[in-house]
Protein backbone atom coordinates (compact mmCIF):
# COMPACT_ATOMS: atom_id res chain seq x y z
CA MET A 1 15.18 43.12 34.27
CA SER A 2 15.43 40.66 37.16
CA GLU A 3 15.49 41.97 40.70
CA LYS A 4 18.98 42.12 42.18
CA LEU A 5 19.51 39.46 44.86
CA VAL A 6 21.03 40.59 48.15
CA GLU A 7 22.55 38.73 51.06
CA THR A 8 20.07 37.06 53.40
CA GLN A 9 20.55 36.42 57.11
CA ASN A 10 18.93 34.08 59.60
CA ILE A 11 19.57 34.16 63.33
CA PHE A 12 19.67 31.28 65.82
CA SER A 13 20.22 31.46 69.57
CA LEU A 14 22.22 28.54 70.99
CA ASN A 15 24.25 28.14 74.17
CA ARG A 16 23.45 31.78 75.06
CA ASN A 17 25.08 32.91 71.81
CA THR A 18 23.69 34.48 68.66
CA ILE A 19 24.59 32.52 65.52
CA ILE A 20 24.13 34.28 62.18
CA VAL A 21 23.67 32.30 58.96
CA ARG A 22 24.55 34.55 56.03
CA GLU A 23 23.82 33.51 52.45
CA ALA A 24 25.09 35.32 49.37
CA GLY A 25 22.98 36.84 46.67
CA VAL A 26 24.68 37.52 43.33
CA LYS A 27 28.20 37.85 44.71
CA ARG A 28 29.93 35.70 47.30
CA ILE A 29 30.37 37.10 50.80
CA ASP A 30 33.83 38.58 51.38
CA VAL A 31 34.88 38.01 55.01
CA SER A 32 38.52 39.13 54.66
CA ARG A 33 38.05 42.17 56.91
CA GLY A 34 36.91 40.10 59.87
CA TYR A 35 38.29 36.58 59.41
CA ARG A 36 41.34 34.67 58.27
CA THR A 37 42.00 31.07 57.31
CA SER A 38 45.02 28.84 56.80
CA ALA A 39 44.80 28.89 53.00
CA GLY A 40 42.47 29.63 50.14
CA PRO A 41 39.97 32.37 49.26
CA LEU A 42 37.91 34.31 51.77
CA GLU A 43 34.74 34.62 49.70
CA PHE A 44 31.87 32.19 50.35
CA ASP A 45 28.33 31.37 49.31
CA VAL A 46 27.33 30.74 52.94
CA VAL A 47 28.93 32.01 56.15
CA ILE A 48 27.86 30.78 59.59
CA GLU A 49 29.15 33.08 62.33
CA PHE A 50 29.31 31.41 65.76
CA GLY A 51 30.84 34.34 67.63
CA ASN A 52 32.25 33.22 71.01
CA MET A 53 30.22 30.01 71.18
CA TYR A 54 33.29 27.77 71.19
CA LYS A 55 35.67 30.08 73.09
CA ASP A 56 35.92 27.91 76.20
CA MET A 57 37.05 24.95 74.07
CA ALA A 58 40.33 26.55 72.92
CA GLY A 59 43.21 24.69 74.55
CA SER A 60 40.86 22.56 76.63
CA THR A 61 41.53 19.00 77.75
CA VAL A 62 38.95 16.55 79.08
CA LEU A 63 40.38 15.08 82.27
CA SER A 64 40.74 11.30 82.28
CA GLU A 65 38.12 10.82 84.99
CA LYS A 66 35.58 12.78 82.92
CA ARG A 67 36.18 11.06 79.58
CA TRP A 68 33.33 9.02 78.20
CA LYS A 69 33.76 5.32 78.77
CA ASP A 70 30.33 4.18 77.58
CA PHE A 71 29.05 3.61 74.05
CA GLN A 72 26.08 6.02 74.05
CA HIS A 73 26.09 9.64 75.23
CA GLY A 74 22.99 11.54 74.23
CA ASP A 75 23.03 11.72 70.44
CA ALA A 76 26.65 10.54 70.28
CA ARG A 77 27.96 7.00 69.87
CA ILE A 78 31.63 6.03 70.31
CA MET A 79 32.53 2.84 68.46
CA ALA A 80 35.70 2.25 70.52
CA ASN A 81 33.38 1.96 73.54
CA HIS A 82 30.90 -0.30 71.73
CA SER A 83 28.78 -2.64 73.83
CA ASN A 84 30.12 -5.48 71.66
CA SER A 85 33.65 -6.08 72.94
CA TYR A 86 34.82 -7.57 69.62
CA THR A 87 33.75 -4.43 67.74
CA ALA A 88 35.23 -2.13 70.40
CA GLY A 89 38.57 -3.94 70.31
CA ALA A 90 38.83 -3.96 66.52
CA VAL A 91 37.91 -0.27 66.28
CA SER A 92 40.42 0.69 68.99
CA LYS A 93 43.17 -1.18 67.16
CA GLN A 94 42.47 0.67 63.91
CA CYS A 95 42.32 4.01 65.76
CA GLU A 96 45.73 3.31 67.28
CA LEU A 97 47.08 2.44 63.83
CA ILE A 98 45.82 5.72 62.37
CA ALA A 99 47.37 7.67 65.25
CA ASP A 100 50.67 5.90 64.67
CA ILE A 101 50.60 6.68 60.93
CA VAL A 102 49.91 10.37 61.58
CA GLU A 103 52.67 10.60 64.20
CA THR A 104 55.40 8.71 62.34
CA SER A 105 54.77 9.10 58.60
CA SER A 106 54.68 12.09 56.29
CA PRO A 107 51.29 12.89 54.71
CA GLN A 108 53.25 13.35 51.47
CA ASP A 109 54.34 9.69 51.53
CA PRO A 110 51.93 7.69 49.30
CA GLN A 111 52.50 4.53 51.34
CA GLY A 112 51.25 6.48 54.37
CA VAL A 113 48.27 7.59 52.29
CA LYS A 114 47.53 3.96 51.47
CA TRP A 115 47.74 2.76 55.08
CA TYR A 116 45.73 5.71 56.34
CA SER A 117 42.98 5.35 53.73
CA GLU A 118 42.64 1.61 54.34
CA SER A 119 42.08 2.21 58.06
CA VAL A 120 39.63 5.05 57.41
CA GLU A 121 37.70 2.85 54.97
CA GLN A 122 37.50 -0.02 57.45
CA LEU A 123 36.35 2.21 60.31
CA THR A 124 33.77 3.88 58.06
CA LYS A 125 32.30 0.49 57.12
CA TRP A 126 31.96 -0.44 60.80
CA GLU A 127 30.21 2.87 61.45
CA LYS A 128 27.90 2.30 58.49
CA LYS A 129 26.90 -1.07 59.96
CA GLU A 130 26.18 0.63 63.27
CA ALA A 131 24.06 3.34 61.60
CA GLY A 132 21.99 0.71 59.77
CA ARG A 133 18.65 1.83 58.47
CA GLU A 134 18.89 5.37 59.82
CA ILE A 135 20.95 6.41 56.76
CA GLU A 136 18.95 4.56 54.12
CA GLU A 137 18.10 6.98 51.26
CA ALA A 138 19.94 9.81 53.03
CA VAL A 139 21.59 12.50 50.90
CA PRO A 140 25.27 12.94 51.79
CA ILE A 141 26.43 16.53 52.27
CA VAL A 142 30.19 16.36 51.79
CA ALA A 143 32.60 18.90 53.22
CA LEU A 144 35.63 18.69 50.97
CA ARG A 145 38.25 17.46 51.01
CA ALA A 146 38.64 14.65 53.55
CA GLY A 147 34.91 13.92 53.62
CA LEU A 148 34.76 12.58 50.06
CA PRO A 149 36.70 9.29 50.54
CA MET A 150 34.71 8.55 53.72
CA THR A 151 31.42 9.16 51.90
CA GLU A 152 32.53 6.86 49.08
CA ALA A 153 33.35 4.22 51.72
CA LEU A 154 29.73 4.52 52.86
CA GLY A 155 28.73 3.37 49.37
CA TYR A 156 27.75 6.63 47.71
CA LYS A 157 28.77 7.80 44.26
CA LYS A 158 29.93 11.33 43.58
CA GLU A 159 26.75 12.15 41.65
CA ASP A 160 24.68 11.29 44.73
CA MET A 161 26.47 13.85 46.88
CA VAL A 162 26.06 17.53 47.62
CA LEU A 163 29.64 18.83 47.51
CA LEU A 164 30.71 21.84 49.55
CA GLU A 165 34.09 23.38 50.20
CA ALA A 166 34.12 24.06 53.93
CA LYS A 167 36.65 26.33 55.64
CA ARG A 168 37.22 27.02 59.31
CA LEU A 169 37.43 30.80 59.82
CA ASN A 170 39.02 32.51 62.82
CA GLY A 171 38.58 36.13 63.79
CA ILE A 172 41.42 38.50 62.93
CA ALA A 173 41.13 40.44 66.19
CA ASP A 174 40.34 37.34 68.23
CA PRO A 175 41.19 33.91 66.75
CA ASN A 176 38.74 32.28 69.19
CA ARG A 177 35.83 33.87 67.32
CA LEU A 178 34.78 31.09 64.98
CA ALA A 179 32.90 31.01 61.69
CA LEU A 180 32.37 28.47 58.92
CA GLY A 181 32.56 29.34 55.24
CA LEU A 182 30.84 27.18 52.60
CA ARG A 183 31.28 27.33 48.83
CA PHE A 184 29.05 25.33 46.49
CA VAL A 185 30.79 22.83 44.22
CA GLY A 186 28.52 22.75 41.22
CA ASN A 187 25.33 24.55 40.26
CA ARG A 188 23.62 26.23 43.19
CA GLU A 189 20.08 25.69 41.89
CA GLU A 190 20.73 21.99 41.31
CA ILE A 191 22.17 21.63 44.80
CA MET A 192 19.17 23.28 46.44
CA GLU A 193 16.80 21.12 44.39
CA LYS A 194 18.63 17.97 45.49
CA LEU A 195 18.34 19.05 49.13
CA LYS A 196 14.61 19.74 48.81
CA LYS A 197 14.02 16.27 47.31
CA ALA A 198 15.99 14.49 50.06
CA ASN A 199 12.93 13.44 52.12
CA GLY A 200 14.55 15.13 55.10
CA LYS A 201 17.36 12.60 55.55
CA PHE A 202 20.99 13.77 55.46
CA LEU A 203 24.43 12.59 56.48
CA ASN A 204 27.88 14.11 56.75
CA ALA A 205 31.17 12.21 56.97
CA ASP A 206 34.40 13.91 58.03
CA PRO A 207 37.44 12.14 59.57
CA ALA A 208 38.04 14.68 62.36
CA LEU A 209 35.24 16.27 64.38
CA ALA A 210 36.83 18.90 66.63
CA THR A 211 34.25 21.53 67.63
CA GLY A 212 31.48 19.98 65.52
CA SER A 213 30.97 23.44 63.98
CA THR A 214 30.98 22.01 60.43
CA GLN A 215 28.18 19.58 61.24
CA LEU A 216 26.18 22.14 63.23
CA GLY A 217 26.79 24.82 60.61
CA ILE A 218 25.47 22.62 57.80
CA LEU A 219 22.42 21.75 59.89
CA LEU A 220 21.68 25.42 60.64
CA TRP A 221 22.12 26.27 56.95
CA LEU A 222 19.51 23.64 56.03
CA LEU A 223 17.08 24.96 58.66
CA SER A 224 17.64 28.57 57.59
CA ASN A 225 16.59 27.58 54.04
CA LYS A 226 13.52 25.83 55.46
CA ILE A 227 14.77 22.50 54.12
CA GLU A 228 12.90 19.65 55.78
CA VAL A 229 15.20 17.80 58.18
CA SER A 230 13.89 14.57 59.69
CA SER A 231 17.29 13.00 60.45
CA PHE A 232 20.96 14.00 60.33
CA THR A 233 23.81 11.55 60.90
CA ALA A 234 27.39 12.74 61.39
CA PHE A 235 30.26 10.25 60.95
CA SER A 236 33.84 10.83 62.06
CA ILE A 237 36.97 8.77 62.66
CA GLY A 238 38.20 10.80 65.62
CA ALA A 239 36.25 13.36 67.63
CA ALA A 240 36.82 15.69 70.54
CA GLN A 241 34.43 15.00 73.39
CA GLN A 242 34.05 18.76 73.79
CA GLY A 243 32.66 19.03 70.26
CA LEU A 244 30.25 16.13 70.74
CA GLU A 245 28.98 17.63 73.99
CA MET A 246 28.34 20.96 72.24
CA LEU A 247 26.52 19.18 69.41
CA ASN A 248 24.34 17.32 71.93
CA GLN A 249 23.47 20.56 73.71
CA SER A 250 22.84 22.58 70.54
CA VAL A 251 20.65 19.93 68.94
CA GLN A 252 18.56 19.64 72.10
CA GLU A 253 18.07 23.42 72.17
CA LEU A 254 16.90 23.33 68.54
CA ARG A 255 14.42 20.59 69.44
CA ASP A 256 13.19 22.62 72.41
CA GLU A 257 12.55 25.47 69.97
CA GLY A 258 10.29 23.22 67.89
CA HIS A 259 12.62 21.70 65.28
CA THR A 260 11.70 18.02 65.20
CA PHE A 261 14.43 15.76 63.89
CA SER A 262 16.75 12.98 64.98
CA PHE A 263 20.49 13.66 65.17
CA ASN A 264 23.13 10.97 65.49
CA SER A 265 26.90 11.35 65.65
CA ILE A 266 28.97 8.19 65.29
CA THR A 267 32.72 8.34 65.85
CA ALA A 268 35.37 5.65 66.03
CA GLY A 269 37.35 7.17 68.89
CA LEU A 270 37.78 10.21 71.15
CA HIS A 271 40.58 12.76 71.52
CA PRO A 272 40.88 14.77 74.74
CA THR A 273 42.74 17.95 73.72
CA LEU A 274 42.10 20.88 71.38
CA THR A 275 44.68 23.45 70.32
CA ALA A 276 44.81 27.09 71.43
CA GLY A 277 46.64 30.24 70.34
CA GLU A 278 46.65 31.53 66.78
CA HIS A 279 45.27 28.23 65.45
CA PRO A 280 42.67 27.07 67.98
CA TYR A 281 40.12 24.27 67.83
CA TYR A 282 42.11 21.56 66.05
CA ILE A 283 42.35 18.08 67.52
CA LYS A 284 45.79 17.86 69.10
CA THR A 285 47.76 14.64 68.85
CA GLU A 286 50.15 13.35 71.50
CA GLU A 287 53.08 14.81 69.54
CA ASP A 288 51.42 18.26 69.37
CA ARG A 289 50.42 17.88 65.72
CA TYR A 290 47.11 18.89 64.12
CA ALA A 291 45.32 15.65 63.32
CA VAL A 292 42.68 17.27 61.11
CA GLY A 293 45.26 18.84 58.78
CA ASP A 294 47.20 15.62 58.45
CA GLY A 295 44.01 13.71 57.69
CA GLY A 296 43.12 16.03 54.83
CA ASP A 297 46.64 15.82 53.43
CA TYR A 298 46.64 12.03 53.55
CA LEU A 299 43.36 11.74 51.72
CA ASP A 300 44.11 14.40 49.10
CA LEU A 301 45.69 11.89 46.72
CA LEU A 302 42.44 9.90 46.69
CA LEU A 303 40.36 12.82 45.44
CA PRO A 304 39.50 13.41 41.77
CA PRO A 305 42.28 15.57 40.27
CA GLU A 306 40.03 18.64 39.93
CA LEU A 307 39.38 18.64 43.69
CA ARG A 308 42.95 18.15 44.91
CA ARG A 309 44.88 20.88 46.65
CA ARG A 310 48.33 19.29 46.96
CA TRP A 311 48.82 16.55 44.41
CA GLY A 312 49.04 17.11 40.67
CA ASP A 313 46.92 15.52 37.95
CA LYS A 314 49.53 14.20 35.54
CA ILE A 315 53.31 13.87 35.59
CA THR A 316 54.92 16.86 33.90
CA ARG A 317 58.41 17.61 32.62
CA ALA A 318 58.90 19.86 35.66
CA HIS A 319 58.04 16.92 37.95
CA LEU A 320 60.61 14.71 36.20
CA ASN A 321 63.29 17.38 36.43
CA ALA A 322 62.54 17.94 40.12
CA LEU A 323 62.71 14.19 40.81
CA ASN A 324 66.12 13.81 39.17
CA ALA A 325 67.44 16.92 40.94
CA ALA A 326 66.24 15.70 44.37
CA CYS A 327 67.89 12.31 43.83
CA LYS A 328 71.01 13.81 42.25
CA GLU A 329 70.87 11.16 39.54
CA ASP A 330 68.81 10.47 36.41
CA ILE A 331 66.14 8.26 37.92
CA THR A 332 63.80 8.74 34.97
CA LYS A 333 66.37 7.56 32.43
CA LYS A 334 66.84 4.33 34.35
CA ASN A 335 63.04 3.93 34.72
CA PRO A 336 61.33 5.20 31.54
CA TRP A 337 57.92 4.10 32.83
CA ILE A 338 58.02 7.26 34.99
CA GLU A 339 57.00 9.30 32.00
CA GLU A 340 55.48 12.65 31.20
CA GLU A 341 51.66 12.74 30.95
CA ARG A 342 51.24 9.59 33.04
CA GLY A 343 48.35 10.04 35.48
CA ILE A 344 49.11 10.62 39.14
CA ASP A 345 47.29 8.05 41.25
CA LEU A 346 47.93 6.10 44.45
CA GLU A 347 49.25 2.99 42.70
CA THR A 348 51.76 4.94 40.56
CA MET A 349 52.96 7.10 43.45
CA CYS A 350 53.45 4.06 45.71
CA ALA A 351 55.44 2.34 42.95
CA ILE A 352 57.70 5.38 42.51
CA GLN A 353 58.18 5.75 46.28
CA ARG A 354 59.15 2.08 46.62
CA LEU A 355 61.65 2.60 43.79
CA LEU A 356 63.14 5.64 45.52
CA ASN A 357 63.42 3.73 48.77
CA SER A 358 65.23 0.88 47.00
CA TYR A 359 67.79 3.39 45.71
CA GLY A 360 68.29 4.72 49.23
CA HIS A 361 66.34 7.96 48.63
CA HIS A 362 63.99 7.50 51.59
CA LYS A 363 63.89 11.23 52.33
CA VAL A 364 62.72 12.10 48.80
CA LEU A 365 58.91 11.96 49.03
CA THR A 366 56.73 11.79 45.94
CA GLY A 367 54.25 14.15 47.57
CA ASP A 368 56.91 16.86 47.61
CA ILE A 369 57.89 16.20 43.98
CA PHE A 370 54.57 15.54 42.24
CA LYS A 371 52.63 18.39 43.83
CA LYS A 372 50.44 20.84 41.98
CA GLU A 373 52.76 23.13 40.08
CA GLU A 374 50.48 26.14 40.45
CA ALA A 375 50.91 25.90 44.23
CA GLU A 376 54.67 26.34 44.03
């Protein structure tokens, strides 16, 4: 009879805080008594508890005179401040376009998804060029869901990736107490074997870097498993300066403690403000929206059907009935190509949305109609 596995814990001390990395044994770790999240289960394979490490960031704004204007800041590089003015200008333009899409379009509008994804892909390719040889042969650790399209834009195939579901966790008694929950997507043993064979080189791509707790949490999880880390590169489209500063500080403390590795964070642009209250630590847009949530929603349609949270896999009879009811006319009879069992993809959803717009049904969004039925 095999010995029963129990939860393991490793402790790190950073920024005068104790960080606990908890890893499950046979059963996942249930954190429902201490933490909450916006949606989804509260049982994880790995939980990184940061305590009050990020507390001062909640609701914080970096004053204009203190915002980074240069390209390089410690381990962080900001593409919008690139030393090459052509690159900086092009990146800034794309960042402004993304901000405009998030502010003015619904993340359930497939045309918005298309525009958003094209800008994310272009920015990711510029960042890849900047990273150059430092990411050659690196194993991508992908925090689903928004990280997958970015990682594909870096040139990696799904089979090359280590896929993790990552969830921000806030304390029930104090929402400023932060933790990160990770769930393995796939076989745990195969994932650990892939990490051990990675020659120490890793990367993570995620559109919005707010606190940087996802990137730091993944790094601490690797170190707690004694996985060799020689380099770690974190890509983002938008980042909070507060999070990058904390990453710089934490990584330097780890180096001072004897962990020898290079760490690079490359972001397209900076955002000055983080949210507070019941939902702290999200990047806050100029219209008081949560950029990170919108980014995940926009990219959800680009994920493989089995990894989506909002969009369905195939058109069902219920979808067709809901479409006709929302339009108050038999759209599907007039357009039989919108048929049951047809796959839901970006091209099809854009075609249906354009059709709805031509009929004057601009307020009927395909993302609201062709959503996952089990989520209703």
